[in-house]
Amino acid sequence: MTDTDTELRVSKIRSGTVVDHVTGGEALHVLSLLGIDGSEGTTVSLGMNVPSERLGRKDVVKVEGRELSDSEAEVLSLIAPEATINIIRDYDVVEKRRVEPPEEVTGVLVCPNRDCITNAGEPVETAFAVLEDGLRCEYCGEIVREDITDHLRD
C-alpha cells in the first residue's frame, strides 16, 4: 500500500465542490454556512481532523451536485481563511481557487450587541465590514474578533 492509498479517506465525487484546507474542526460550520443540514438530500462527505502538512490538521468537505457561488466562497473565507475550493465535473477538477475575504458580509451573522438595531425586531439585515483582524457591525460598530462561527445566523 502506498502513501497515496492511505491518504484517500473519502471517495471521489462525480460533480460538485470540494472545500479543502478548512481549519480543523470547522467542517460542520462550513455546512451550516452553506445552509446544508441534511434535510435537502444533498450527498455530503466530511473528513475532520485529517493530517495536513500545511495546517497540521484540516477538514475537507465534499458536496455532490452543487458548485459554490463566489459569494458563498467569500463568506467561507471568514471561518476558513486557508480554504481552497475545487469545482469538480465528471470526476475532474475544472477549477481550483483560494478563498478571498469580501469587504462586507450581509445577512449571514448575528450582531453580538443585544442593543443593535439588527436585534430589535426591525426589518434590517445585518451587515459587517471585514477588517484584517475581525468584523465590525455597520450599524452599532460592535467588533467581532473571535469565535465568528458562534455568530452565524441559524
C-alpha atoms as a PDB file:
ATOM      1  CA  MET A   1       0.000   0.000   0.000  1.00  0.00           C
ATOM      2  CA  THR A   2       1.387   3.407  -0.965  1.00  0.00           C
ATOM      3  CA  ASP A   3       1.097   6.652   0.992  1.00  0.00           C
ATOM      4  CA  THR A   4      -1.484   7.830  -1.542  1.00  0.00           C
ATOM      5  CA  ASP A   5      -3.666   4.803  -0.772  1.00  0.00           C
ATOM      6  CA  THR A   6      -3.623   5.595   2.921  1.00  0.00           C
ATOM      7  CA  GLU A   7      -4.421   9.286   2.360  1.00  0.00           C
ATOM      8  CA  LEU A   8      -7.613   8.746   0.315  1.00  0.00           C
ATOM      9  CA  ARG A   9     -10.180   8.728   3.094  1.00  0.00           C
ATOM     10  CA  VAL A  10     -13.315   9.669   1.135  1.00  0.00           C
ATOM     11  CA  SER A  11     -14.246   8.615  -2.383  1.00  0.00           C
ATOM     12  CA  LYS A  12     -14.120  10.969  -5.355  1.00  0.00           C
ATOM     13  CA  ILE A  13     -17.247  12.817  -6.394  1.00  0.00           C
ATOM     14  CA  ARG A  14     -18.642  12.982  -9.921  1.00  0.00           C
ATOM     15  CA  SER A  15     -19.588  16.663  -9.804  1.00  0.00           C
ATOM     16  CA  GLY A  16     -19.862  19.333  -7.156  1.00  0.00           C
ATOM     17  CA  THR A  17     -17.480  21.129  -4.832  1.00  0.00           C
ATOM     18  CA  VAL A  18     -14.615  20.052  -2.610  1.00  0.00           C
ATOM     19  CA  VAL A  19     -13.686  22.551   0.076  1.00  0.00           C
ATOM     20  CA  ASP A  20     -10.175  21.620   1.204  1.00  0.00           C
ATOM     21  CA  HIS A  21      -7.810  23.079   3.810  1.00  0.00           C
ATOM     22  CA  VAL A  22     -10.625  24.024   6.186  1.00  0.00           C
ATOM     23  CA  THR A  23      -9.361  24.740   9.697  1.00  0.00           C
ATOM     24  CA  GLY A  24      -9.573  21.513  11.726  1.00  0.00           C
ATOM     25  CA  GLY A  25     -12.914  21.169  13.471  1.00  0.00           C
ATOM     26  CA  GLU A  26     -14.754  23.731  11.304  1.00  0.00           C
ATOM     27  CA  ALA A  27     -16.406  21.390   8.738  1.00  0.00           C
ATOM     28  CA  LEU A  28     -19.793  21.431  10.454  1.00  0.00           C
ATOM     29  CA  HIS A  29     -19.725  25.234  10.498  1.00  0.00           C
ATOM     30  CA  VAL A  30     -18.985  25.184   6.761  1.00  0.00           C
ATOM     31  CA  LEU A  31     -22.103  23.071   6.214  1.00  0.00           C
ATOM     32  CA  SER A  32     -24.148  25.446   8.379  1.00  0.00           C
ATOM     33  CA  LEU A  33     -22.850  28.451   6.481  1.00  0.00           C
ATOM     34  CA  LEU A  34     -23.850  26.785   3.204  1.00  0.00           C
ATOM     35  CA  GLY A  35     -27.312  26.009   4.571  1.00  0.00           C
ATOM     36  CA  ILE A  36     -26.762  22.256   4.407  1.00  0.00           C
ATOM     37  CA  ASP A  37     -28.437  20.405   7.275  1.00  0.00           C
ATOM     38  CA  GLY A  38     -29.109  17.029   5.666  1.00  0.00           C
ATOM     39  CA  SER A  39     -32.813  17.604   5.014  1.00  0.00           C
ATOM     40  CA  GLU A  40     -32.325  18.641   1.377  1.00  0.00           C
ATOM     41  CA  GLY A  41     -30.953  15.262   0.283  1.00  0.00           C
ATOM     42  CA  THR A  42     -27.559  16.573  -0.839  1.00  0.00           C
ATOM     43  CA  THR A  43     -24.797  13.963  -0.640  1.00  0.00           C
ATOM     44  CA  VAL A  44     -22.049  15.314   1.615  1.00  0.00           C
ATOM     45  CA  SER A  45     -18.764  13.726   2.690  1.00  0.00           C
ATOM     46  CA  LEU A  46     -16.702  15.096   5.562  1.00  0.00           C
ATOM     47  CA  GLY A  47     -13.155  14.460   6.625  1.00  0.00           C
ATOM     48  CA  MET A  48     -12.466  16.028  10.001  1.00  0.00           C
ATOM     49  CA  ASN A  49      -9.079  16.499  11.627  1.00  0.00           C
ATOM     50  CA  VAL A  50      -7.269  14.885   8.708  1.00  0.00           C
ATOM     51  CA  PRO A  51      -3.455  15.197   8.918  1.00  0.00           C
ATOM     52  CA  SER A  52      -2.139  18.098   6.833  1.00  0.00           C
ATOM     53  CA  GLU A  53       1.441  19.206   6.214  1.00  0.00           C
ATOM     54  CA  ARG A  54       0.376  22.826   5.772  1.00  0.00           C
ATOM     55  CA  LEU A  55      -2.175  23.131   8.615  1.00  0.00           C
ATOM     56  CA  GLY A  56      -1.241  20.311  10.985  1.00  0.00           C
ATOM     57  CA  ARG A  57      -4.811  19.069  10.783  1.00  0.00           C
ATOM     58  CA  LYS A  58      -7.600  20.066   8.435  1.00  0.00           C
ATOM     59  CA  ASP A  59     -11.168  19.332   7.487  1.00  0.00           C
ATOM     60  CA  VAL A  60     -12.393  18.514   3.981  1.00  0.00           C
ATOM     61  CA  VAL A  61     -15.998  18.980   2.829  1.00  0.00           C
ATOM     62  CA  LYS A  62     -17.288  17.375  -0.374  1.00  0.00           C
ATOM     63  CA  VAL A  63     -20.711  18.416  -1.657  1.00  0.00           C
ATOM     64  CA  GLU A  64     -22.177  16.454  -4.575  1.00  0.00           C
ATOM     65  CA  GLY A  65     -24.138  18.248  -7.272  1.00  0.00           C
ATOM     66  CA  ARG A  66     -23.516  21.791  -6.045  1.00  0.00           C
ATOM     67  CA  GLU A  67     -20.965  24.363  -7.118  1.00  0.00           C
ATOM     68  CA  LEU A  68     -20.242  27.112  -4.587  1.00  0.00           C
ATOM     69  CA  SER A  69     -21.001  30.635  -5.712  1.00  0.00           C
ATOM     70  CA  ASP A  70     -18.434  33.416  -5.383  1.00  0.00           C
ATOM     71  CA  SER A  71     -20.424  34.967  -2.527  1.00  0.00           C
ATOM     72  CA  GLU A  72     -20.503  31.644  -0.648  1.00  0.00           C
ATOM     73  CA  ALA A  73     -16.748  31.336  -1.107  1.00  0.00           C
ATOM     74  CA  GLU A  74     -16.223  34.860   0.230  1.00  0.00           C
ATOM     75  CA  VAL A  75     -18.210  34.174   3.396  1.00  0.00           C
ATOM     76  CA  LEU A  76     -16.436  30.843   3.782  1.00  0.00           C
ATOM     77  CA  SER A  77     -13.170  32.786   3.986  1.00  0.00           C
ATOM     78  CA  LEU A  78     -14.293  34.213   7.338  1.00  0.00           C
ATOM     79  CA  ILE A  79     -14.191  30.815   9.059  1.00  0.00           C
ATOM     80  CA  ALA A  80     -11.719  29.015   6.796  1.00  0.00           C
ATOM     81  CA  PRO A  81      -9.184  31.592   5.552  1.00  0.00           C
ATOM     82  CA  GLU A  82      -6.806  28.928   4.177  1.00  0.00           C
ATOM     83  CA  ALA A  83      -9.510  27.026   2.281  1.00  0.00           C
ATOM     84  CA  THR A  84      -9.259  26.051  -1.344  1.00  0.00           C
ATOM     85  CA  ILE A  85     -12.320  25.407  -3.464  1.00  0.00           C
ATOM     86  CA  ASN A  86     -12.212  22.739  -6.138  1.00  0.00           C
ATOM     87  CA  ILE A  87     -15.052  22.569  -8.652  1.00  0.00           C
ATOM     88  CA  ILE A  88     -15.475  19.002  -9.921  1.00  0.00           C
ATOM     89  CA  ARG A  89     -17.138  17.913 -13.168  1.00  0.00           C
ATOM     90  CA  ASP A  90     -17.052  14.316 -14.405  1.00  0.00           C
ATOM     91  CA  TYR A  91     -14.571  13.426 -11.632  1.00  0.00           C
ATOM     92  CA  ASP A  92     -12.059  16.075 -12.810  1.00  0.00           C
ATOM     93  CA  VAL A  93     -11.062  19.315 -11.113  1.00  0.00           C
ATOM     94  CA  VAL A  94     -12.091  22.012 -13.606  1.00  0.00           C
ATOM     95  CA  GLU A  95     -11.458  24.985 -11.342  1.00  0.00           C
ATOM     96  CA  LYS A  96      -9.346  25.480  -8.240  1.00  0.00           C
ATOM     97  CA  ARG A  97      -9.203  28.692  -6.266  1.00  0.00           C
ATOM     98  CA  ARG A  98      -8.378  30.006  -2.824  1.00  0.00           C
ATOM     99  CA  VAL A  99     -10.985  31.862  -0.855  1.00  0.00           C
ATOM    100  CA  GLU A 100     -10.732  35.653  -0.722  1.00  0.00           C
ATOM    101  CA  PRO A 101     -12.347  37.688   2.046  1.00  0.00           C
ATOM    102  CA  PRO A 102     -15.051  40.157   0.971  1.00  0.00           C
ATOM    103  CA  GLU A 103     -15.131  43.809   2.021  1.00  0.00           C
ATOM    104  CA  GLU A 104     -18.545  43.315   3.624  1.00  0.00           C
ATOM    105  CA  VAL A 105     -20.810  40.412   4.567  1.00  0.00           C
ATOM    106  CA  THR A 106     -24.581  40.805   4.910  1.00  0.00           C
ATOM    107  CA  GLY A 107     -27.305  38.624   6.358  1.00  0.00           C
ATOM    108  CA  VAL A 108     -25.003  35.820   7.474  1.00  0.00           C
ATOM    109  CA  LEU A 109     -24.048  36.773  11.031  1.00  0.00           C
ATOM    110  CA  VAL A 110     -25.923  37.960  14.108  1.00  0.00           C
ATOM    111  CA  CYS A 111     -24.564  41.023  15.903  1.00  0.00           C
ATOM    112  CA  PRO A 112     -23.487  40.135  19.458  1.00  0.00           C
ATOM    113  CA  ASN A 113     -24.657  43.552  20.712  1.00  0.00           C
ATOM    114  CA  ARG A 114     -28.177  42.985  22.084  1.00  0.00           C
ATOM    115  CA  ASP A 115     -28.893  46.729  21.718  1.00  0.00           C
ATOM    116  CA  CYS A 116     -28.045  46.765  17.994  1.00  0.00           C
ATOM    117  CA  ILE A 117     -30.980  47.691  15.738  1.00  0.00           C
ATOM    118  CA  THR A 118     -30.491  44.375  13.914  1.00  0.00           C
ATOM    119  CA  ASN A 119     -31.557  42.589  17.128  1.00  0.00           C
ATOM    120  CA  ALA A 120     -34.578  44.829  17.815  1.00  0.00           C
ATOM    121  CA  GLY A 121     -37.075  43.048  15.567  1.00  0.00           C
ATOM    122  CA  GLU A 122     -36.740  45.693  12.867  1.00  0.00           C
ATOM    123  CA  PRO A 123     -36.645  44.662   9.188  1.00  0.00           C
ATOM    124  CA  VAL A 124     -32.906  45.339   8.977  1.00  0.00           C
ATOM    125  CA  GLU A 125     -30.409  42.835   7.570  1.00  0.00           C
ATOM    126  CA  THR A 126     -27.107  42.574   9.420  1.00  0.00           C
ATOM    127  CA  ALA A 127     -24.036  43.984   7.704  1.00  0.00           C
ATOM    128  CA  PHE A 128     -20.430  43.632   8.832  1.00  0.00           C
ATOM    129  CA  ALA A 129     -17.325  45.271   7.413  1.00  0.00           C
ATOM    130  CA  VAL A 130     -14.497  42.758   7.107  1.00  0.00           C
ATOM    131  CA  LEU A 131     -11.364  44.002   8.863  1.00  0.00           C
ATOM    132  CA  GLU A 132      -7.888  42.466   8.924  1.00  0.00           C
ATOM    133  CA  ASP A 133      -8.459  41.185  12.465  1.00  0.00           C
ATOM    134  CA  GLY A 134     -12.238  40.708  12.638  1.00  0.00           C
ATOM    135  CA  LEU A 135     -15.613  42.110  11.658  1.00  0.00           C
ATOM    136  CA  ARG A 136     -17.365  45.383  12.519  1.00  0.00           C
ATOM    137  CA  CYS A 137     -21.145  45.770  12.628  1.00  0.00           C
ATOM    138  CA  GLU A 138     -22.096  48.548  10.202  1.00  0.00           C
ATOM    139  CA  TYR A 139     -24.962  49.661  12.480  1.00  0.00           C
ATOM    140  CA  CYS A 140     -23.579  49.742  16.028  1.00  0.00           C
ATOM    141  CA  GLY A 141     -19.807  49.382  15.500  1.00  0.00           C
ATOM    142  CA  GLU A 142     -19.524  46.198  17.601  1.00  0.00           C
ATOM    143  CA  ILE A 143     -16.323  44.305  16.747  1.00  0.00           C
ATOM    144  CA  VAL A 144     -16.200  40.503  16.454  1.00  0.00           C
ATOM    145  CA  ARG A 145     -12.657  39.135  16.559  1.00  0.00           C
ATOM    146  CA  GLU A 146     -13.023  35.594  17.880  1.00  0.00           C
ATOM    147  CA  ASP A 147     -15.442  32.710  17.527  1.00  0.00           C
ATOM    148  CA  ILE A 148     -17.038  34.067  14.380  1.00  0.00           C
ATOM    149  CA  THR A 149     -18.893  30.788  13.928  1.00  0.00           C
ATOM    150  CA  ASP A 150     -20.749  31.431  17.207  1.00  0.00           C
ATOM    151  CA  HIS A 151     -22.415  34.362  15.457  1.00  0.00           C
ATOM    152  CA  LEU A 152     -23.637  32.541  12.341  1.00  0.00           C
ATOM    153  CA  ARG A 153     -27.343  33.119  11.692  1.00  0.00           C
ATOM    154  CA  ASP A 154     -29.406  29.956  12.214  1.00  0.00           C
END
